[in-house]
Amino acid sequence: MRHLLALTSLFFLFSCGNQSAEVANDSVVTDSTNLMSNANSDWHELTESWNASLNLRNASIMKSFYADSVHYYGDQLTNEEVVRRQQEYFNLNNDYKQRIDEYVELIKQPDGTWLVKIMKEVTANGKTATYPASLVFTRVNGIWKITAESDDITDLNKAKNIEVSYSPETTTVEGLVEENNTYGTASGGDAKSDARIAYYVIWSKNPLNVRNNVIEDLNDWKEELNVERIQLVGHSEEIKKLLNRKVRITGKLEPATSGDHHTKVIMKVDLVEEVI
């Protein structure tokens, strides 16, 4: 019964959000910042409804938020294909949940569509991470529908692979920095009873092919191809100030060698710079 009530409320909220958003389209155009800062804003409610549909994992509700054709993380898909991809992801990550951490910006675009920029916190496969994301709402037959969904990480990773090498060579990587969390197991106890530990990862602008050019001493360092996520070791305070921003990180690459390493390749950081 509670689940049925939740679904009913979601449909009602989506319907009301679309009706209200039509008014917002005319009356709030001159002050988009105020619109997004208002917790009861029409766009806030509409986006929250979309987010709730993902957490409920109900195919028909999820599909109702999307237009017939959607530019979805770099691919042009039908709304049915979008939902199919989402459900496949849910099946692989039974603990999936998402919440909107922050409303960043609302932009009315020249073609009359609205771009909603958010920070979303996603939990999947036992890990939680925050990503910058965006939705484009387009008015279709009087109803606001999502016609594009993406995030900065996906946009960055459309670039070509570049060749790099393990330490002792120095490598510079550009991309977005995110904070991830995992359970600490240093005490040797049950992971879920231990404290959560934060670590930092850069999503590389270009996927990396990491080569091992020092054969004699490091021939057990496995080469890794198409590396997109690299855990950063060192300079944590500097990195933390640049979370979810475009950065340039310089350091030495090594393969993961301990339980404290959460990506196949790590970087021991020497220099942290923000990309303006």
Foldseek 3Di string as FASTA:
>chain_A
DVLVVVVVVLVVLQVVLLVQVVVCLPPVQVPFVVQQVDCPHSVNSNVQSLQVCLVSLDLVSNLVQADQWACELNDIDGSNVVSVVSVVQCVQFVPWHKDWPGFDGWDQDPVRKIKTWTWMWIDGPQKIKIFIWIWIWDQDPSGTHTRYIHTQLSVLAVDEEDEEEFPPDKDKFKAAKMKMKHFDCPVVDDSVVGDIDIWMKGFGSYFYFYDYPPCPPPVVFDTDGRHGIATEDDPVVVRVVRHGAIKMWMFGKGADDDPVGDGRIYGHTDDIGGDD
